[in-house]
N, C-alpha and C. Protein backbone atom coordinates (compact mmCIF):
# COMPACT_ATOMS: atom_id res chain seq x y z
N MET A 1 -12.49 20.22 2.09
CA MET A 1 -11.03 20.42 1.72
C MET A 1 -10.12 19.35 2.13
N VAL A 2 -9.39 18.83 1.52
CA VAL A 2 -8.35 17.81 1.85
C VAL A 2 -7.33 18.45 2.76
N ASP A 3 -7.05 17.96 3.96
CA ASP A 3 -5.96 18.29 4.97
C ASP A 3 -4.62 17.91 4.42
N ARG A 4 -3.91 18.80 3.84
CA ARG A 4 -2.74 18.68 3.18
C ARG A 4 -1.79 18.13 4.44
N ASN A 5 -1.74 18.71 5.58
CA ASN A 5 -0.78 18.15 6.43
C ASN A 5 -1.08 16.78 6.95
N PHE A 6 -2.23 16.41 7.11
CA PHE A 6 -2.49 14.93 7.39
C PHE A 6 -2.00 14.17 6.14
N VAL A 7 -2.13 14.43 4.98
CA VAL A 7 -1.74 13.63 3.77
C VAL A 7 -0.20 13.62 3.84
N LEU A 8 0.43 14.93 3.86
CA LEU A 8 1.73 15.03 3.89
C LEU A 8 2.48 14.00 5.10
N ARG A 9 1.92 14.12 6.10
CA ARG A 9 2.46 13.35 7.37
C ARG A 9 2.17 11.75 7.18
N LYS A 10 1.31 11.56 6.34
CA LYS A 10 1.11 9.96 5.95
C LYS A 10 2.08 9.64 4.95
N ILE A 11 2.26 10.56 4.02
CA ILE A 11 3.36 10.18 2.96
C ILE A 11 4.77 10.14 3.55
N SER A 12 4.96 10.89 4.58
CA SER A 12 6.46 10.98 5.30
C SER A 12 6.39 9.53 6.03
N GLU A 13 5.17 8.90 6.60
CA GLU A 13 5.40 7.67 7.31
C GLU A 13 5.62 6.70 6.26
N LEU A 14 4.81 6.67 5.05
CA LEU A 14 5.05 5.84 3.91
C LEU A 14 6.60 5.65 3.43
N GLU A 15 7.14 7.08 3.31
CA GLU A 15 8.58 6.80 3.08
C GLU A 15 9.47 6.17 4.15
N GLN A 16 9.19 6.45 5.28
CA GLN A 16 9.96 5.66 6.41
C GLN A 16 9.86 4.34 6.21
N TYR A 17 8.55 3.95 6.01
CA TYR A 17 8.28 2.36 5.97
C TYR A 17 9.10 1.76 4.65
N GLN A 18 9.10 2.46 3.56
CA GLN A 18 9.93 2.32 2.20
C GLN A 18 11.36 1.95 2.57
N THR A 19 11.89 2.94 3.35
CA THR A 19 13.26 2.83 3.72
C THR A 19 13.72 1.55 4.58
N GLN A 20 12.68 1.36 5.49
CA GLN A 20 12.86 0.11 6.48
C GLN A 20 12.88 -1.15 5.81
N ILE A 21 11.85 -1.03 4.79
CA ILE A 21 11.79 -2.53 4.07
C ILE A 21 12.73 -2.66 3.06
N LYS A 22 13.45 -1.68 2.62
CA LYS A 22 14.52 -1.90 1.48
C LYS A 22 15.52 -3.11 1.79
N GLU A 23 15.92 -3.33 3.13
CA GLU A 23 16.87 -4.24 3.35
C GLU A 23 16.34 -5.66 2.89
N PHE A 24 15.25 -5.83 2.84
CA PHE A 24 14.73 -7.16 2.51
C PHE A 24 14.38 -7.26 0.98
N SER A 25 14.65 -6.38 0.27
CA SER A 25 14.24 -6.17 -1.14
C SER A 25 14.91 -7.24 -1.99
N ASP A 26 15.87 -7.77 -1.64
CA ASP A 26 16.70 -8.87 -2.49
C ASP A 26 16.46 -10.21 -1.76
N ILE A 27 15.64 -10.29 -0.88
CA ILE A 27 15.63 -11.69 -0.10
C ILE A 27 14.79 -12.86 -1.16
N SER A 28 15.45 -14.02 -0.92
CA SER A 28 14.77 -14.96 -1.89
C SER A 28 13.58 -15.62 -1.12
N ILE A 29 12.90 -16.52 -1.85
CA ILE A 29 11.72 -17.14 -1.28
C ILE A 29 12.43 -18.10 -0.01
N SER A 30 13.51 -18.82 -0.21
CA SER A 30 13.94 -19.75 0.38
C SER A 30 14.43 -19.11 1.88
N GLN A 31 15.15 -17.87 1.78
CA GLN A 31 15.61 -17.01 2.98
C GLN A 31 14.32 -16.64 3.71
N TYR A 32 13.53 -16.31 3.05
CA TYR A 32 12.21 -15.58 3.70
C TYR A 32 11.49 -16.74 4.45
N SER A 33 11.21 -17.83 3.70
CA SER A 33 10.63 -19.02 4.36
C SER A 33 11.32 -19.67 5.63
N ASN A 34 12.69 -19.31 5.74
CA ASN A 34 13.37 -19.88 6.75
C ASN A 34 13.82 -18.83 7.92
N ASP A 35 13.19 -17.69 7.71
CA ASP A 35 13.54 -16.81 8.77
C ASP A 35 12.22 -15.98 9.33
N TRP A 36 11.88 -16.46 10.46
CA TRP A 36 10.66 -15.97 11.03
C TRP A 36 10.70 -14.55 11.30
N LYS A 37 11.74 -14.07 11.81
CA LYS A 37 11.95 -12.51 11.86
C LYS A 37 11.66 -11.65 10.74
N ALA A 38 12.21 -12.06 9.59
CA ALA A 38 12.13 -11.61 8.43
C ALA A 38 10.76 -11.54 7.88
N GLN A 39 9.98 -12.63 8.23
CA GLN A 39 8.54 -12.89 7.81
C GLN A 39 7.77 -11.70 8.53
N ARG A 40 8.06 -11.57 9.76
CA ARG A 40 7.16 -10.69 10.76
C ARG A 40 7.38 -9.32 10.30
N ILE A 41 8.64 -8.88 9.97
CA ILE A 41 9.15 -7.69 9.73
C ILE A 41 8.46 -7.27 8.28
N VAL A 42 8.64 -8.06 7.42
CA VAL A 42 8.12 -8.01 5.96
C VAL A 42 6.60 -7.81 6.06
N GLU A 43 5.94 -8.76 6.52
CA GLU A 43 4.54 -8.96 6.53
C GLU A 43 3.99 -7.53 7.19
N ARG A 44 4.34 -7.23 8.38
CA ARG A 44 3.62 -6.14 9.15
C ARG A 44 4.11 -5.05 8.41
N THR A 45 5.39 -4.61 7.73
CA THR A 45 5.70 -3.49 7.27
C THR A 45 4.78 -3.37 6.03
N LEU A 46 4.56 -4.42 5.18
CA LEU A 46 3.86 -4.24 3.85
C LEU A 46 2.38 -4.04 4.44
N GLN A 47 1.91 -4.55 5.56
CA GLN A 47 0.64 -4.21 5.95
C GLN A 47 0.40 -2.83 6.26
N VAL A 48 1.46 -2.08 6.90
CA VAL A 48 1.21 -0.87 7.46
C VAL A 48 1.40 0.19 6.25
N MET A 49 2.17 -0.29 5.17
CA MET A 49 2.57 0.50 4.14
C MET A 49 0.98 0.75 3.20
N ILE A 50 0.35 -0.63 3.27
CA ILE A 50 -0.80 -0.70 2.64
C ILE A 50 -1.90 0.19 3.08
N GLU A 51 -2.01 -0.01 4.60
CA GLU A 51 -2.96 0.82 5.38
C GLU A 51 -2.53 2.23 5.33
N THR A 52 -1.38 2.62 5.10
CA THR A 52 -1.07 4.27 5.10
C THR A 52 -1.64 4.55 3.68
N CYS A 53 -1.56 3.83 2.55
CA CYS A 53 -2.24 4.19 1.32
C CYS A 53 -3.53 4.30 1.53
N LEU A 54 -4.05 3.36 2.14
CA LEU A 54 -5.75 3.42 2.46
C LEU A 54 -6.12 4.62 3.13
N ASP A 55 -5.26 5.04 4.17
CA ASP A 55 -5.61 6.16 4.96
C ASP A 55 -5.45 7.47 4.26
N ILE A 56 -4.51 7.63 3.28
CA ILE A 56 -4.67 8.74 2.41
C ILE A 56 -5.69 8.74 1.47
N ALA A 57 -5.87 7.58 0.95
CA ALA A 57 -6.97 7.58 -0.19
C ALA A 57 -8.39 7.73 0.41
N ALA A 58 -8.63 7.20 1.58
CA ALA A 58 -10.00 7.35 2.30
C ALA A 58 -10.25 8.77 2.74
N HIS A 59 -9.11 9.34 3.18
CA HIS A 59 -9.05 10.79 3.54
C HIS A 59 -9.63 11.77 2.40
N ILE A 60 -8.93 11.50 1.29
CA ILE A 60 -9.25 12.18 0.10
C ILE A 60 -10.67 12.02 -0.34
N ILE A 61 -11.09 10.87 -0.27
CA ILE A 61 -12.55 10.38 -0.77
C ILE A 61 -13.57 11.10 0.07
N SER A 62 -13.26 11.13 1.37
CA SER A 62 -14.07 11.57 2.45
C SER A 62 -14.06 13.26 2.19
N ASP A 63 -13.06 13.84 2.09
CA ASP A 63 -13.04 15.21 2.03
C ASP A 63 -13.47 15.84 0.71
N GLU A 64 -13.30 14.99 -0.33
CA GLU A 64 -13.83 15.33 -1.67
C GLU A 64 -15.37 14.91 -1.99
N LYS A 65 -15.76 14.14 -0.89
CA LYS A 65 -17.24 13.65 -1.06
C LYS A 65 -17.48 12.80 -2.33
N TYR A 66 -16.46 11.96 -2.50
CA TYR A 66 -16.63 10.94 -3.60
C TYR A 66 -17.50 9.95 -3.17
N ARG A 67 -17.87 8.89 -3.97
CA ARG A 67 -18.77 7.92 -3.50
C ARG A 67 -18.17 7.05 -2.42
N THR A 68 -18.94 6.41 -1.67
CA THR A 68 -18.41 5.64 -0.44
C THR A 68 -18.05 4.25 -1.15
N PRO A 69 -16.55 3.93 -0.80
CA PRO A 69 -16.13 2.61 -1.11
C PRO A 69 -16.70 1.42 -0.57
N GLU A 70 -16.87 0.40 -1.18
CA GLU A 70 -17.39 -0.86 -0.65
C GLU A 70 -16.56 -1.72 0.09
N ASN A 71 -15.28 -1.64 -0.15
CA ASN A 71 -14.27 -2.35 0.55
C ASN A 71 -12.94 -1.65 0.51
N TYR A 72 -11.81 -2.34 0.97
CA TYR A 72 -10.79 -1.74 0.95
C TYR A 72 -10.08 -1.48 -0.45
N ALA A 73 -10.09 -2.60 -1.33
CA ALA A 73 -9.78 -2.53 -2.76
C ALA A 73 -10.71 -1.45 -3.41
N ASP A 74 -11.86 -1.25 -2.94
CA ASP A 74 -12.77 -0.31 -3.89
C ASP A 74 -12.19 1.09 -3.61
N ILE A 75 -11.55 1.23 -2.40
CA ILE A 75 -10.93 2.69 -1.96
C ILE A 75 -10.26 3.16 -3.14
N PHE A 76 -9.31 2.35 -3.77
CA PHE A 76 -8.31 2.58 -4.77
C PHE A 76 -9.26 2.73 -6.11
N ARG A 77 -10.20 2.04 -6.32
CA ARG A 77 -11.04 2.19 -7.54
C ARG A 77 -11.75 3.55 -7.52
N VAL A 78 -12.08 4.19 -6.33
CA VAL A 78 -12.72 5.42 -6.19
C VAL A 78 -11.68 6.51 -6.77
N LEU A 79 -10.53 6.42 -6.28
CA LEU A 79 -9.50 7.30 -6.74
C LEU A 79 -9.38 7.22 -8.20
N TYR A 80 -9.42 5.95 -8.68
CA TYR A 80 -9.24 5.81 -10.17
C TYR A 80 -10.35 6.41 -10.96
N GLU A 81 -11.58 6.23 -10.39
CA GLU A 81 -12.90 6.78 -11.03
C GLU A 81 -12.79 8.25 -11.17
N ASN A 82 -12.08 8.90 -10.20
CA ASN A 82 -11.89 10.36 -10.14
C ASN A 82 -10.70 10.84 -10.73
N LYS A 83 -9.95 9.94 -11.47
CA LYS A 83 -8.71 10.34 -12.28
C LYS A 83 -7.43 10.69 -11.47
N ILE A 84 -7.41 10.20 -10.32
CA ILE A 84 -6.21 10.41 -9.29
C ILE A 84 -5.13 9.26 -9.59
N LEU A 85 -5.60 8.14 -9.91
CA LEU A 85 -4.83 6.97 -10.10
C LEU A 85 -5.14 6.50 -11.54
N GLY A 86 -4.01 5.67 -12.25
CA GLY A 86 -4.22 5.14 -13.48
C GLY A 86 -4.60 3.61 -13.18
N LYS A 87 -4.88 3.16 -14.27
CA LYS A 87 -5.68 1.70 -14.27
C LYS A 87 -4.45 0.73 -13.69
N SER A 88 -3.27 0.67 -14.20
CA SER A 88 -2.25 -0.37 -13.60
C SER A 88 -2.13 -0.12 -12.26
N LEU A 89 -2.01 1.06 -11.63
CA LEU A 89 -1.84 1.20 -10.25
C LEU A 89 -3.14 0.76 -9.50
N LEU A 90 -4.22 1.04 -10.05
CA LEU A 90 -5.51 0.67 -9.31
C LEU A 90 -5.36 -0.95 -9.28
N LEU A 91 -4.98 -1.85 -10.24
CA LEU A 91 -4.99 -3.09 -10.21
C LEU A 91 -4.05 -3.50 -9.19
N SER A 92 -2.82 -3.09 -9.08
CA SER A 92 -1.66 -3.34 -8.32
C SER A 92 -2.16 -3.17 -6.74
N LEU A 93 -2.77 -1.91 -6.71
CA LEU A 93 -2.90 -1.53 -5.18
C LEU A 93 -4.20 -2.32 -4.85
N GLY A 94 -5.14 -2.57 -5.66
CA GLY A 94 -6.28 -3.42 -5.29
C GLY A 94 -5.93 -4.72 -4.85
N LYS A 95 -4.94 -5.47 -5.51
CA LYS A 95 -4.33 -6.75 -5.02
C LYS A 95 -3.79 -6.54 -3.82
N MET A 96 -3.14 -5.54 -3.46
CA MET A 96 -2.35 -5.37 -2.22
C MET A 96 -3.34 -5.04 -1.11
N ALA A 97 -4.35 -4.40 -1.38
CA ALA A 97 -5.48 -4.37 -0.26
C ALA A 97 -5.98 -5.68 -0.04
N LYS A 98 -6.16 -6.66 -0.91
CA LYS A 98 -6.69 -7.85 -0.76
C LYS A 98 -5.60 -8.65 0.04
N PHE A 99 -4.53 -8.41 -0.31
CA PHE A 99 -3.25 -9.08 0.60
C PHE A 99 -3.18 -8.62 1.87
N ARG A 100 -3.49 -7.31 2.09
CA ARG A 100 -3.53 -6.93 3.44
C ARG A 100 -4.50 -7.62 4.36
N ASN A 101 -5.57 -7.79 3.78
CA ASN A 101 -6.81 -8.38 4.44
C ASN A 101 -6.22 -9.89 4.84
N TYR A 102 -5.72 -10.56 3.74
CA TYR A 102 -5.08 -11.89 3.98
C TYR A 102 -4.03 -12.00 5.16
N VAL A 103 -3.29 -10.82 5.27
CA VAL A 103 -2.11 -10.87 6.57
C VAL A 103 -2.83 -10.75 7.81
N VAL A 104 -3.91 -9.74 7.68
CA VAL A 104 -4.52 -9.66 9.01
C VAL A 104 -5.46 -10.71 9.48
N HIS A 105 -6.19 -11.37 8.49
CA HIS A 105 -6.98 -12.38 8.99
C HIS A 105 -6.60 -13.83 8.76
N HIS A 106 -5.69 -14.04 7.93
CA HIS A 106 -5.24 -15.66 7.70
C HIS A 106 -3.63 -15.47 7.83
N TYR A 107 -3.03 -14.82 8.88
CA TYR A 107 -1.54 -14.69 9.15
C TYR A 107 -0.95 -16.03 9.16
N ASP A 108 -1.66 -17.11 9.57
CA ASP A 108 -1.04 -18.37 9.61
C ASP A 108 -0.99 -19.19 8.23
N LYS A 109 -1.39 -18.54 7.11
CA LYS A 109 -1.38 -19.19 5.86
C LYS A 109 -0.76 -18.38 4.68
N ILE A 110 0.07 -17.47 5.08
CA ILE A 110 0.54 -16.49 4.26
C ILE A 110 1.63 -17.15 3.25
N ASP A 111 1.44 -17.08 1.87
CA ASP A 111 2.22 -17.66 0.84
C ASP A 111 3.44 -16.95 0.60
N PRO A 112 4.64 -17.46 0.89
CA PRO A 112 5.97 -16.74 0.81
C PRO A 112 6.20 -16.28 -0.68
N ASP A 113 5.70 -17.07 -1.69
CA ASP A 113 5.88 -16.74 -2.98
C ASP A 113 5.10 -15.15 -3.26
N ILE A 114 4.10 -15.08 -2.60
CA ILE A 114 3.32 -13.86 -2.96
C ILE A 114 4.04 -12.50 -2.15
N VAL A 115 4.39 -12.80 -0.99
CA VAL A 115 5.18 -11.76 -0.22
C VAL A 115 6.37 -11.31 -0.91
N VAL A 116 7.31 -12.43 -1.30
CA VAL A 116 8.61 -12.12 -1.96
C VAL A 116 8.27 -11.59 -3.30
N GLY A 117 7.16 -11.89 -3.85
CA GLY A 117 6.92 -11.35 -5.26
C GLY A 117 6.49 -9.95 -5.21
N ILE A 118 5.80 -9.61 -3.98
CA ILE A 118 5.53 -8.09 -3.86
C ILE A 118 6.89 -7.24 -3.65
N LEU A 119 7.61 -7.91 -2.84
CA LEU A 119 9.05 -7.20 -2.51
C LEU A 119 9.84 -6.92 -3.84
N HIS A 120 9.83 -8.01 -4.66
CA HIS A 120 10.68 -7.88 -5.94
C HIS A 120 9.92 -7.07 -6.98
N LYS A 121 8.62 -7.11 -7.07
CA LYS A 121 7.91 -6.64 -8.25
C LYS A 121 6.96 -5.32 -7.99
N ASN A 122 6.61 -5.23 -6.79
CA ASN A 122 5.47 -4.11 -6.56
C ASN A 122 6.04 -2.85 -5.61
N MET A 123 7.21 -2.78 -5.29
CA MET A 123 7.36 -1.85 -4.08
C MET A 123 7.61 -0.54 -4.88
N GLY A 124 7.74 -0.50 -6.08
CA GLY A 124 7.65 0.89 -6.85
C GLY A 124 6.19 1.43 -6.81
N ASP A 125 5.27 0.74 -6.76
CA ASP A 125 4.02 0.96 -6.69
C ASP A 125 3.64 1.95 -5.55
N PHE A 126 4.25 1.87 -4.63
CA PHE A 126 4.14 2.73 -3.46
C PHE A 126 4.68 4.07 -3.94
N GLU A 127 5.92 4.18 -4.52
CA GLU A 127 6.32 5.29 -5.00
C GLU A 127 5.47 6.17 -6.07
N LYS A 128 4.99 5.39 -6.80
CA LYS A 128 3.94 5.92 -7.90
C LYS A 128 2.73 6.53 -7.29
N PHE A 129 2.26 5.74 -6.24
CA PHE A 129 1.08 6.25 -5.42
C PHE A 129 1.43 7.60 -4.72
N LYS A 130 2.56 7.58 -4.05
CA LYS A 130 2.92 8.75 -3.38
C LYS A 130 3.09 9.91 -4.38
N ASN A 131 3.82 9.67 -5.62
CA ASN A 131 3.87 10.76 -6.40
C ASN A 131 2.62 11.27 -7.16
N LEU A 132 1.66 10.33 -7.29
CA LEU A 132 0.40 10.83 -7.75
C LEU A 132 -0.41 11.61 -6.84
N ILE A 133 -0.20 11.39 -5.44
CA ILE A 133 -1.13 11.92 -4.46
C ILE A 133 -0.54 13.41 -4.40
N ILE A 134 0.93 13.34 -4.38
CA ILE A 134 1.70 14.85 -4.31
C ILE A 134 1.20 15.53 -5.44
N ARG A 135 1.01 15.02 -6.57
CA ARG A 135 0.55 15.76 -7.79
C ARG A 135 -0.77 16.34 -7.43
N TYR A 136 -1.61 15.28 -7.00
CA TYR A 136 -2.99 15.82 -6.77
C TYR A 136 -3.04 16.95 -5.60
N LEU A 137 -2.26 16.85 -4.64
CA LEU A 137 -2.22 18.05 -3.74
C LEU A 137 -1.84 19.46 -4.29
N LYS A 138 -0.94 19.32 -5.46
CA LYS A 138 -0.59 20.48 -6.05
C LYS A 138 -1.61 21.28 -6.91
N LYS A 139 -2.71 20.50 -7.19
CA LYS A 139 -3.81 21.13 -8.11
C LYS A 139 -4.51 22.02 -7.25
């Protein structure tokens, strides 16, 4: 059985990170590229937001005894296979899981266009994920 308290605590953390990163939502590529503090804050916050989603998803997968994912991106595929996520969110979160790996392992080569692109185009995906997980918990 899924530990609702754990999942809700993680959702609360995700909401906190969403609030914290909002001040950077309008940053330009130039501003981002020339501000090392903004780079660190944004990259780390995106990393922990993605990891929080992965934690929630992995917990559901484990408790529901779904198949074992092969990698981080596959964690979201397992939720898709079990009709918790839709296709477009699967694709977006899968890319973000790969981005997370890049931030962790290649932090010296992060493309500002990708980071700012996530800030401008994909922040709503975290809200969609959160809402789908809450809907899942209500079943």
